[in-house]
PDB file of all heavy atoms in Angstrom:
ATOM      1  N   LEU A   1     -47.655 -60.707 -68.765  1.00  0.00           N
ATOM      2  CA  LEU A   1     -47.851 -60.684 -70.210  1.00  0.00           C
ATOM      3  C   LEU A   1     -47.502 -59.317 -70.802  1.00  0.00           C
ATOM      4  O   LEU A   1     -46.992 -59.234 -71.911  1.00  0.00           O
ATOM      5  CB  LEU A   1     -49.308 -61.036 -70.546  1.00  0.00           C
ATOM      6  CG  LEU A   1     -49.715 -62.495 -70.292  1.00  0.00           C
ATOM      7  CD1 LEU A   1     -51.220 -62.661 -70.426  1.00  0.00           C
ATOM      8  CD2 LEU A   1     -48.996 -63.423 -71.264  1.00  0.00           C
ATOM      9  N   ALA A   2     -47.806 -58.250 -70.067  1.00  0.00           N
ATOM     10  CA  ALA A   2     -47.440 -56.904 -70.507  1.00  0.00           C
ATOM     11  C   ALA A   2     -46.188 -56.464 -69.755  1.00  0.00           C
ATOM     12  O   ALA A   2     -46.160 -56.489 -68.533  1.00  0.00           O
ATOM     13  CB  ALA A   2     -48.589 -55.926 -70.239  1.00  0.00           C
ATOM     14  N   ALA A   3     -45.162 -56.076 -70.480  1.00  0.00           N
ATOM     15  CA  ALA A   3     -43.906 -55.669 -69.853  1.00  0.00           C
ATOM     16  C   ALA A   3     -44.105 -54.404 -69.026  1.00  0.00           C
ATOM     17  O   ALA A   3     -44.892 -53.524 -69.378  1.00  0.00           O
ATOM     18  CB  ALA A   3     -42.845 -55.432 -70.913  1.00  0.00           C
ATOM     19  N   ALA A   4     -43.402 -54.316 -67.900  1.00  0.00           N
ATOM     20  CA  ALA A   4     -43.486 -53.161 -67.009  1.00  0.00           C
ATOM     21  C   ALA A   4     -42.206 -52.342 -67.110  1.00  0.00           C
ATOM     22  O   ALA A   4     -41.165 -52.835 -67.555  1.00  0.00           O
ATOM     23  CB  ALA A   4     -43.706 -53.627 -65.572  1.00  0.00           C
ATOM     24  N   SER A   5     -42.292 -51.087 -66.686  1.00  0.00           N
ATOM     25  CA  SER A   5     -41.104 -50.230 -66.641  1.00  0.00           C
ATOM     26  C   SER A   5     -41.030 -49.573 -65.275  1.00  0.00           C
ATOM     27  O   SER A   5     -42.041 -49.404 -64.584  1.00  0.00           O
ATOM     28  CB  SER A   5     -41.155 -49.180 -67.757  1.00  0.00           C
ATOM     29  OG  SER A   5     -42.318 -48.374 -67.635  1.00  0.00           O
ATOM     30  N   LEU A   6     -39.822 -49.192 -64.880  1.00  0.00           N
ATOM     31  CA  LEU A   6     -39.572 -48.629 -63.550  1.00  0.00           C
ATOM     32  C   LEU A   6     -39.385 -47.118 -63.624  1.00  0.00           C
ATOM     33  O   LEU A   6     -38.957 -46.605 -64.660  1.00  0.00           O
ATOM     34  CB  LEU A   6     -38.314 -49.279 -62.961  1.00  0.00           C
ATOM     35  CG  LEU A   6     -38.392 -50.791 -62.735  1.00  0.00           C
ATOM     36  CD1 LEU A   6     -37.029 -51.323 -62.294  1.00  0.00           C
ATOM     37  CD2 LEU A   6     -39.455 -51.125 -61.696  1.00  0.00           C
ATOM     38  N   PRO A   7     -39.666 -46.401 -62.522  1.00  0.00           N
ATOM     39  CA  PRO A   7     -40.278 -46.879 -61.275  1.00  0.00           C
ATOM     40  C   PRO A   7     -41.758 -47.185 -61.504  1.00  0.00           C
ATOM     41  O   PRO A   7     -42.369 -46.647 -62.435  1.00  0.00           O
ATOM     42  CB  PRO A   7     -40.081 -45.712 -60.316  1.00  0.00           C
ATOM     43  CG  PRO A   7     -40.065 -44.505 -61.205  1.00  0.00           C
ATOM     44  CD  PRO A   7     -39.381 -44.945 -62.467  1.00  0.00           C
ATOM     45  N   LEU A   8     -42.318 -47.996 -60.635  1.00  0.00           N
ATOM     46  CA  LEU A   8     -43.667 -48.509 -60.860  1.00  0.00           C
ATOM     47  C   LEU A   8     -44.448 -48.525 -59.552  1.00  0.00           C
ATOM     48  O   LEU A   8     -43.947 -48.994 -58.522  1.00  0.00           O
ATOM     49  CB  LEU A   8     -43.585 -49.935 -61.423  1.00  0.00           C
ATOM     50  CG  LEU A   8     -44.871 -50.743 -61.507  1.00  0.00           C
ATOM     51  CD1 LEU A   8     -45.765 -50.204 -62.621  1.00  0.00           C
ATOM     52  CD2 LEU A   8     -44.563 -52.215 -61.768  1.00  0.00           C
ATOM     53  N   VAL A   9     -45.673 -48.027 -59.595  1.00  0.00           N
ATOM     54  CA  VAL A   9     -46.633 -48.226 -58.509  1.00  0.00           C
ATOM     55  C   VAL A   9     -47.542 -49.363 -58.967  1.00  0.00           C
ATOM     56  O   VAL A   9     -48.264 -49.219 -59.950  1.00  0.00           O
ATOM     57  CB  VAL A   9     -47.459 -46.950 -58.227  1.00  0.00           C
ATOM     58  CG1 VAL A   9     -48.538 -47.243 -57.185  1.00  0.00           C
ATOM     59  CG2 VAL A   9     -46.552 -45.824 -57.763  1.00  0.00           C
ATOM     60  N   PRO A  10     -47.489 -50.522 -58.294  1.00  0.00           N
ATOM     61  CA  PRO A  10     -48.303 -51.648 -58.752  1.00  0.00           C
ATOM     62  C   PRO A  10     -49.778 -51.448 -58.410  1.00  0.00           C
ATOM     63  O   PRO A  10     -50.152 -50.508 -57.714  1.00  0.00           O
ATOM     64  CB  PRO A  10     -47.708 -52.830 -57.992  1.00  0.00           C
ATOM     65  CG  PRO A  10     -47.152 -52.226 -56.750  1.00  0.00           C
ATOM     66  CD  PRO A  10     -46.677 -50.850 -57.126  1.00  0.00           C
ATOM     67  N   GLY A  11     -50.579 -52.379 -58.895  1.00  0.00           N
ATOM     68  CA  GLY A  11     -52.009 -52.349 -58.579  1.00  0.00           C
ATOM     69  C   GLY A  11     -52.844 -52.032 -59.796  1.00  0.00           C
ATOM     70  O   GLY A  11     -52.710 -50.961 -60.398  1.00  0.00           O
ATOM     71  N   ALA A  12     -53.722 -52.957 -60.165  1.00  0.00           N
ATOM     72  CA  ALA A  12     -54.489 -52.831 -61.407  1.00  0.00           C
ATOM     73  C   ALA A  12     -55.972 -52.599 -61.196  1.00  0.00           C
ATOM     74  O   ALA A  12     -56.720 -52.551 -62.170  1.00  0.00           O
ATOM     75  CB  ALA A  12     -54.282 -54.084 -62.263  1.00  0.00           C
ATOM     76  N   GLU A  13     -56.406 -52.446 -59.939  1.00  0.00           N
ATOM     77  CA  GLU A  13     -57.845 -52.243 -59.725  1.00  0.00           C
ATOM     78  C   GLU A  13     -58.062 -51.469 -58.434  1.00  0.00           C
ATOM     79  O   GLU A  13     -57.386 -51.708 -57.427  1.00  0.00           O
ATOM     80  CB  GLU A  13     -58.587 -53.579 -59.673  1.00  0.00           C
ATOM     81  CG  GLU A  13     -58.070 -54.513 -58.605  1.00  0.00           C
ATOM     82  CD  GLU A  13     -58.799 -55.834 -58.531  1.00  0.00           C
ATOM     83  OE1 GLU A  13     -59.337 -56.265 -59.548  1.00  0.00           O
ATOM     84  OE2 GLU A  13     -58.819 -56.428 -57.446  1.00  0.00           O
ATOM     85  N   VAL A  14     -58.987 -50.535 -58.490  1.00  0.00           N
ATOM     86  CA  VAL A  14     -59.317 -49.730 -57.317  1.00  0.00           C
ATOM     87  C   VAL A  14     -60.821 -49.485 -57.282  1.00  0.00           C
ATOM     88  O   VAL A  14     -61.506 -49.523 -58.313  1.00  0.00           O
ATOM     89  CB  VAL A  14     -58.587 -48.373 -57.318  1.00  0.00           C
ATOM     90  CG1 VAL A  14     -57.077 -48.560 -57.242  1.00  0.00           C
ATOM     91  CG2 VAL A  14     -58.964 -47.530 -58.542  1.00  0.00           C
ATOM     92  N   VAL A  15     -61.298 -49.214 -56.090  1.00  0.00           N
ATOM     93  CA  VAL A  15     -62.659 -48.706 -55.919  1.00  0.00           C
ATOM     94  C   VAL A  15     -62.556 -47.449 -55.068  1.00  0.00           C
ATOM     95  O   VAL A  15     -61.722 -47.370 -54.160  1.00  0.00           O
ATOM     96  CB  VAL A  15     -63.582 -49.757 -55.272  1.00  0.00           C
ATOM     97  CG1 VAL A  15     -63.129 -50.143 -53.878  1.00  0.00           C
ATOM     98  CG2 VAL A  15     -65.030 -49.268 -55.258  1.00  0.00           C
ATOM     99  N   GLY A  16     -63.352 -46.451 -55.399  1.00  0.00           N
ATOM    100  CA  GLY A  16     -63.293 -45.194 -54.658  1.00  0.00           C
ATOM    101  C   GLY A  16     -64.202 -44.171 -55.282  1.00  0.00           C
ATOM    102  O   GLY A  16     -65.131 -44.511 -56.023  1.00  0.00           O
ATOM    103  N   ARG A  17     -63.917 -42.921 -54.999  1.00  0.00           N
ATOM    104  CA  ARG A  17     -64.761 -41.842 -55.501  1.00  0.00           C
ATOM    105  C   ARG A  17     -63.934 -40.843 -56.296  1.00  0.00           C
ATOM    106  O   ARG A  17     -62.764 -40.584 -55.995  1.00  0.00           O
ATOM    107  CB  ARG A  17     -65.470 -41.133 -54.352  1.00  0.00           C
ATOM    108  CG  ARG A  17     -66.508 -42.014 -53.654  1.00  0.00           C
ATOM    109  CD  ARG A  17     -67.393 -41.224 -52.719  1.00  0.00           C
ATOM    110  NE  ARG A  17     -68.304 -42.106 -52.009  1.00  0.00           N
ATOM    111  CZ  ARG A  17     -69.487 -42.506 -52.473  1.00  0.00           C
ATOM    112  NH1 ARG A  17     -69.910 -42.082 -53.652  1.00  0.00           N
ATOM    113  NH2 ARG A  17     -70.254 -43.311 -51.753  1.00  0.00           N
ATOM    114  N   THR A  18     -64.585 -40.263 -57.294  1.00  0.00           N
ATOM    115  CA  THR A  18     -63.984 -39.180 -58.056  1.00  0.00           C
ATOM    116  C   THR A  18     -64.195 -37.878 -57.288  1.00  0.00           C
ATOM    117  O   THR A  18     -65.008 -37.808 -56.352  1.00  0.00           O
ATOM    118  CB  THR A  18     -64.646 -39.063 -59.441  1.00  0.00           C
ATOM    119  OG1 THR A  18     -66.003 -38.623 -59.266  1.00  0.00           O
ATOM    120  CG2 THR A  18     -64.630 -40.394 -60.173  1.00  0.00           C
ATOM    121  N   PRO A  19     -63.502 -36.800 -57.659  1.00  0.00           N
ATOM    122  CA  PRO A  19     -63.728 -35.514 -56.988  1.00  0.00           C
ATOM    123  C   PRO A  19     -65.182 -35.046 -57.061  1.00  0.00           C
ATOM    124  O   PRO A  19     -65.645 -34.290 -56.202  1.00  0.00           O
ATOM    125  CB  PRO A  19     -62.796 -34.564 -57.742  1.00  0.00           C
ATOM    126  CG  PRO A  19     -61.689 -35.444 -58.245  1.00  0.00           C
ATOM    127  CD  PRO A  19     -62.355 -36.742 -58.594  1.00  0.00           C
ATOM    128  N   GLU A  20     -65.916 -35.514 -58.078  1.00  0.00           N
ATOM    129  CA  GLU A  20     -67.325 -35.133 -58.218  1.00  0.00           C
ATOM    130  C   GLU A  20     -68.248 -36.002 -57.387  1.00  0.00           C
ATOM    131  O   GLU A  20     -69.466 -35.782 -57.356  1.00  0.00           O
ATOM    132  CB  GLU A  20     -67.748 -35.229 -59.695  1.00  0.00           C
ATOM    133  CG  GLU A  20     -67.006 -34.309 -60.641  1.00  0.00           C
ATOM    134  CD  GLU A  20     -65.595 -34.784 -60.953  1.00  0.00           C
ATOM    135  OE1 GLU A  20     -65.355 -36.011 -60.925  1.00  0.00           O
ATOM    136  OE2 GLU A  20     -64.724 -33.923 -61.206  1.00  0.00           O
ATOM    137  N   GLY A  21     -67.690 -37.025 -56.723  1.00  0.00           N
ATOM    138  CA  GLY A  21     -68.507 -37.855 -55.849  1.00  0.00           C
ATOM    139  C   GLY A  21     -68.998 -39.157 -56.453  1.00  0.00           C
ATOM    140  O   GLY A  21     -69.693 -39.926 -55.772  1.00  0.00           O
ATOM    141  N   ARG A  22     -68.660 -39.426 -57.719  1.00  0.00           N
ATOM    142  CA  ARG A  22     -69.051 -40.709 -58.324  1.00  0.00           C
ATOM    143  C   ARG A  22     -68.312 -41.841 -57.625  1.00  0.00           C
ATOM    144  O   ARG A  22     -67.110 -41.749 -57.364  1.00  0.00           O
ATOM    145  CB  ARG A  22     -68.678 -40.763 -59.805  1.00  0.00           C
ATOM    146  CG  ARG A  22     -69.562 -40.020 -60.748  1.00  0.00           C
ATOM    147  CD  ARG A  22     -69.010 -40.161 -62.160  1.00  0.00           C
ATOM    148  NE  ARG A  22     -68.993 -41.547 -62.622  1.00  0.00           N
ATOM    149  CZ  ARG A  22     -68.165 -41.992 -63.579  1.00  0.00           C
ATOM    150  NH1 ARG A  22     -67.267 -41.181 -64.136  1.00  0.00           N
ATOM    151  NH2 ARG A  22     -68.220 -43.266 -63.958  1.00  0.00           N
ATOM    152  N   ARG A  23     -69.023 -42.905 -57.327  1.00  0.00           N
ATOM    153  CA  ARG A  23     -68.384 -44.104 -56.773  1.00  0.00           C
ATOM    154  C   ARG A  23     -68.135 -45.062 -57.932  1.00  0.00           C
ATOM    155  O   ARG A  23     -69.071 -45.479 -58.618  1.00  0.00           O
ATOM    156  CB  ARG A  23     -69.268 -44.761 -55.714  1.00  0.00           C
ATOM    157  CG  ARG A  23     -68.615 -45.964 -55.051  1.00  0.00           C
ATOM    158  CD  ARG A  23     -69.303 -46.306 -53.739  1.00  0.00           C
ATOM    159  NE  ARG A  23     -68.707 -47.490 -53.140  1.00  0.00           N
ATOM    160  CZ  ARG A  23     -69.251 -48.701 -53.167  1.00  0.00           C
ATOM    161  NH1 ARG A  23     -70.428 -48.895 -53.759  1.00  0.00           N
ATOM    162  NH2 ARG A  23     -68.643 -49.723 -52.610  1.00  0.00           N
ATOM    163  N   VAL A  24     -66.868 -45.385 -58.156  1.00  0.00           N
ATOM    164  CA  VAL A  24     -66.501 -46.184 -59.318  1.00  0.00           C
ATOM    165  C   VAL A  24     -65.554 -47.301 -58.922  1.00  0.00           C
ATOM    166  O   VAL A  24     -64.835 -47.219 -57.922  1.00  0.00           O
ATOM    167  CB  VAL A  24     -65.829 -45.322 -60.420  1.00  0.00           C
ATOM    168  CG1 VAL A  24     -66.783 -44.247 -60.920  1.00  0.00           C
ATOM    169  CG2 VAL A  24     -64.530 -44.706 -59.922  1.00  0.00           C
ATOM    170  N   VAL A  25     -65.565 -48.335 -59.747  1.00  0.00           N
ATOM    171  CA  VAL A  25     -64.519 -49.356 -59.706  1.00  0.00           C
ATOM    172  C   VAL A  25     -63.795 -49.248 -61.033  1.00  0.00           C
ATOM    173  O   VAL A  25     -64.423 -49.048 -62.081  1.00  0.00           O
ATOM    174  CB  VAL A  25     -65.108 -50.759 -59.476  1.00  0.00           C
ATOM    175  CG1 VAL A  25     -66.017 -51.204 -60.617  1.00  0.00           C
ATOM    176  CG2 VAL A  25     -64.002 -51.786 -59.241  1.00  0.00           C
ATOM    177  N   ALA A  26     -62.473 -49.313 -60.993  1.00  0.00           N
ATOM    178  CA  ALA A  26     -61.697 -49.035 -62.201  1.00  0.00           C
ATOM    179  C   ALA A  26     -60.558 -50.018 -62.365  1.00  0.00           C
ATOM    180  O   ALA A  26     -59.980 -50.499 -61.386  1.00  0.00           O
ATOM    181  CB  ALA A  26     -61.138 -47.611 -62.150  1.00  0.00           C
ATOM    182  N   LEU A  27     -60.237 -50.290 -63.614  1.00  0.00           N
ATOM    183  CA  LEU A  27     -59.064 -51.079 -63.976  1.00  0.00           C
ATOM    184  C   LEU A  27     -57.963 -50.141 -64.441  1.00  0.00           C
ATOM    185  O   LEU A  27     -58.227 -49.175 -65.171  1.00  0.00           O
ATOM    186  CB  LEU A  27     -59.406 -52.071 -65.089  1.00  0.00           C
ATOM    187  CG  LEU A  27     -60.344 -53.208 -64.711  1.00  0.00           C
ATOM    188  CD1 LEU A  27     -60.625 -54.089 -65.929  1.00  0.00           C
ATOM    189  CD2 LEU A  27     -59.761 -54.046 -63.583  1.00  0.00           C
ATOM    190  N   LEU A  28     -56.741 -50.427 -64.023  1.00  0.00           N
ATOM    191  CA  LEU A  28     -55.590 -49.582 -64.322  1.00  0.00           C
ATOM    192  C   LEU A  28     -54.483 -50.433 -64.938  1.00  0.00           C
ATOM    193  O   LEU A  28     -54.446 -51.650 -64.755  1.00  0.00           O
ATOM    194  CB  LEU A  28     -55.039 -48.942 -63.041  1.00  0.00           C
ATOM    195  CG  LEU A  28     -56.029 -48.521 -61.946  1.00  0.00           C
ATOM    196  CD1 LEU A  28     -55.257 -48.134 -60.692  1.00  0.00           C
ATOM    197  CD2 LEU A  28     -56.874 -47.362 -62.416  1.00  0.00           C
ATOM    198  N   THR A  29     -53.562 -49.793 -65.620  1.00  0.00           N
ATOM    199  CA  THR A  29     -52.347 -50.512 -66.020  1.00  0.00           C
ATOM    200  C   THR A  29     -51.383 -50.608 -64.844  1.00  0.00           C
ATOM    201  O   THR A  29     -50.619 -51.550 -64.722  1.00  0.00           O
ATOM    202  CB  THR A  29     -51.656 -49.819 -67.203  1.00  0.00           C
ATOM    203  OG1 THR A  29     -51.433 -48.447 -66.863  1.00  0.00           O
ATOM    204  CG2 THR A  29     -52.532 -49.887 -68.450  1.00  0.00           C
ATOM    205  N   SER A  30     -51.441 -49.619 -63.946  1.00  0.00           N
ATOM    206  CA  SER A  30     -50.631 -49.595 -62.731  1.00  0.00           C
ATOM    207  C   SER A  30     -51.146 -48.450 -61.875  1.00  0.00           C
ATOM    208  O   SER A  30     -52.010 -47.676 -62.297  1.00  0.00           O
ATOM    209  CB  SER A  30     -49.141 -49.412 -63.048  1.00  0.00           C
ATOM    210  OG  SER A  30     -48.931 -48.159 -63.679  1.00  0.00           O
ATOM    211  N   GLY A  31     -50.609 -48.343 -60.637  1.00  0.00           N
ATOM    212  CA  GLY A  31     -50.922 -47.193 -59.813  1.00  0.00           C
ATOM    213  C   GLY A  31     -51.939 -47.397 -58.718  1.00  0.00           C
ATOM    214  O   GLY A  31     -52.269 -46.458 -57.993  1.00  0.00           O
ATOM    215  N   GLY A  32     -52.433 -48.632 -58.547  1.00  0.00           N
ATOM    216  CA  GLY A  32     -53.520 -48.858 -57.606  1.00  0.00           C
ATOM    217  C   GLY A  32     -53.132 -48.861 -56.142  1.00  0.00           C
ATOM    218  O   GLY A  32     -53.944 -48.515 -55.281  1.00  0.00           O
ATOM    219  N   TYR A  33     -51.889 -49.239 -55.828  1.00  0.00           N
ATOM    220  CA  TYR A  33     -51.467 -49.304 -54.427  1.00  0.00           C
ATOM    221  C   TYR A  33     -51.077 -47.903 -53.959  1.00  0.00           C
ATOM    222  O   TYR A  33     -49.909 -47.584 -53.717  1.00  0.00           O
ATOM    223  CB  TYR A  33     -50.257 -50.223 -54.266  1.00  0.00           C
ATOM    224  CG  TYR A  33     -50.471 -51.693 -54.523  1.00  0.00           C
ATOM    225  CD1 TYR A  33     -51.647 -52.188 -55.067  1.00  0.00           C
ATOM    226  CD2 TYR A  33     -49.472 -52.617 -54.220  1.00  0.00           C
ATOM    227  CE1 TYR A  33     -51.820 -53.548 -55.310  1.00  0.00           C
ATOM    228  CE2 TYR A  33     -49.636 -53.977 -54.446  1.00  0.00           C
ATOM    229  CZ  TYR A  33     -50.808 -54.434 -55.004  1.00  0.00           C
ATOM    230  OH  TYR A  33     -50.970 -55.774 -55.241  1.00  0.00           O
ATOM    231  N   ALA A  34     -52.075 -47.043 -53.833  1.00  0.00           N
ATOM    232  CA  ALA A  34     -51.815 -45.645 -53.504  1.00  0.00           C
ATOM    233  C   ALA A  34     -53.080 -45.011 -52.947  1.00  0.00           C
ATOM    234  O   ALA A  34     -54.175 -45.561 -53.071  1.00  0.00           O
ATOM    235  CB  ALA A  34     -51.349 -44.891 -54.749  1.00  0.00           C
ATOM    236  N   GLU A  35     -52.921 -43.844 -52.343  1.00  0.00           N
ATOM    237  CA  GLU A  35     -54.079 -43.133 -51.809  1.00  0.00           C
ATOM    238  C   GLU A  35     -54.941 -42.540 -52.920  1.00  0.00           C
ATOM    239  O   GLU A  35     -56.151 -42.373 -52.757  1.00  0.00           O
ATOM    240  CB  GLU A  35     -53.616 -42.039 -50.845  1.00  0.00           C
ATOM    241  CG  GLU A  35     -52.988 -42.600 -49.576  1.00  0.00           C
ATOM    242  CD  GLU A  35     -52.525 -41.515 -48.623  1.00  0.00           C
ATOM    243  OE1 GLU A  35     -51.906 -40.538 -49.087  1.00  0.00           O
ATOM    244  OE2 GLU A  35     -52.789 -41.645 -47.415  1.00  0.00           O
ATOM    245  N   LYS A  36     -54.307 -42.202 -54.058  1.00  0.00           N
ATOM    246  CA  LYS A  36     -55.043 -41.688 -55.209  1.00  0.00           C
ATOM    247  C   LYS A  36     -54.469 -42.325 -56.474  1.00  0.00           C
ATOM    248  O   LYS A  36     -53.275 -42.623 -56.538  1.00  0.00           O
ATOM    249  CB  LYS A  36     -54.956 -40.162 -55.285  1.00  0.00           C
ATOM    250  CG  LYS A  36     -55.649 -39.475 -54.113  1.00  0.00           C
ATOM    251  CD  LYS A  36     -55.641 -37.964 -54.246  1.00  0.00           C
ATOM    252  CE  LYS A  36     -56.354 -37.326 -53.056  1.00  0.00           C
ATOM    253  NZ  LYS A  36     -56.390 -35.842 -53.169  1.00  0.00           N
ATOM    254  N   ALA A  37     -55.341 -42.513 -57.456  1.00  0.00           N
ATOM    255  CA  ALA A  37     -54.907 -43.183 -58.683  1.00  0.00           C
ATOM    256  C   ALA A  37     -55.613 -42.575 -59.882  1.00  0.00           C
ATOM    257  O   ALA A  37     -56.702 -41.989 -59.758  1.00  0.00           O
ATOM    258  CB  ALA A  37     -55.210 -44.682 -58.600  1.00  0.00           C
ATOM    259  N   LEU A  38     -54.990 -42.736 -61.043  1.00  0.00           N
ATOM    260  CA  LEU A  38     -55.588 -42.288 -62.295  1.00  0.00           C
ATOM    261  C   LEU A  38     -56.147 -43.483 -63.048  1.00  0.00           C
ATOM    262  O   LEU A  38     -55.541 -44.553 -63.078  1.00  0.00           O
ATOM    263  CB  LEU A  38     -54.548 -41.589 -63.170  1.00  0.00           C
ATOM    264  CG  LEU A  38     -53.960 -40.278 -62.667  1.00  0.00           C
ATOM    265  CD1 LEU A  38     -52.953 -39.737 -63.683  1.00  0.00           C
ATOM    266  CD2 LEU A  38     -55.049 -39.254 -62.394  1.00  0.00           C
ATOM    267  N   ALA A  39     -57.316 -43.260 -63.660  1.00  0.00           N
ATOM    268  CA  ALA A  39     -57.931 -44.313 -64.486  1.00  0.00           C
ATOM    269  C   ALA A  39     -58.460 -43.673 -65.755  1.00  0.00           C
ATOM    270  O   ALA A  39     -58.892 -42.508 -65.755  1.00  0.00           O
ATOM    271  CB  ALA A  39     -59.061 -45.001 -63.738  1.00  0.00           C
ATOM    272  N   LEU A  40     -58.404 -44.418 -66.842  1.00  0.00           N
ATOM    273  CA  LEU A  40     -59.090 -43.964 -68.044  1.00  0.00           C
ATOM    274  C   LEU A  40     -60.588 -43.964 -67.762  1.00  0.00           C
ATOM    275  O   LEU A  40     -61.124 -44.898 -67.151  1.00  0.00           O
ATOM    276  CB  LEU A  40     -58.782 -44.903 -69.212  1.00  0.00           C
ATOM    277  CG  LEU A  40     -57.350 -44.872 -69.756  1.00  0.00           C
ATOM    278  CD1 LEU A  40     -57.160 -45.979 -70.788  1.00  0.00           C
ATOM    279  CD2 LEU A  40     -57.040 -43.512 -70.371  1.00  0.00           C
ATOM    280  N   ALA A  41     -61.261 -42.923 -68.208  1.00  0.00           N
ATOM    281  CA  ALA A  41     -62.705 -42.833 -67.968  1.00  0.00           C
ATOM    282  C   ALA A  41     -63.433 -44.041 -68.535  1.00  0.00           C
ATOM    283  O   ALA A  41     -64.425 -44.513 -67.958  1.00  0.00           O
ATOM    284  CB  ALA A  41     -63.245 -41.541 -68.570  1.00  0.00           C
TER     285      ALA A  41
END
């Protein structure tokens, strides 16, 4: 439904920890299939 652009790291959801130690689950527009990802707070 939302158009994508290249290059692209797929993956819309991750669970993990922030550098401060918070354990979070997050939704992303992309970037989840990776060792580290960015999420809007």
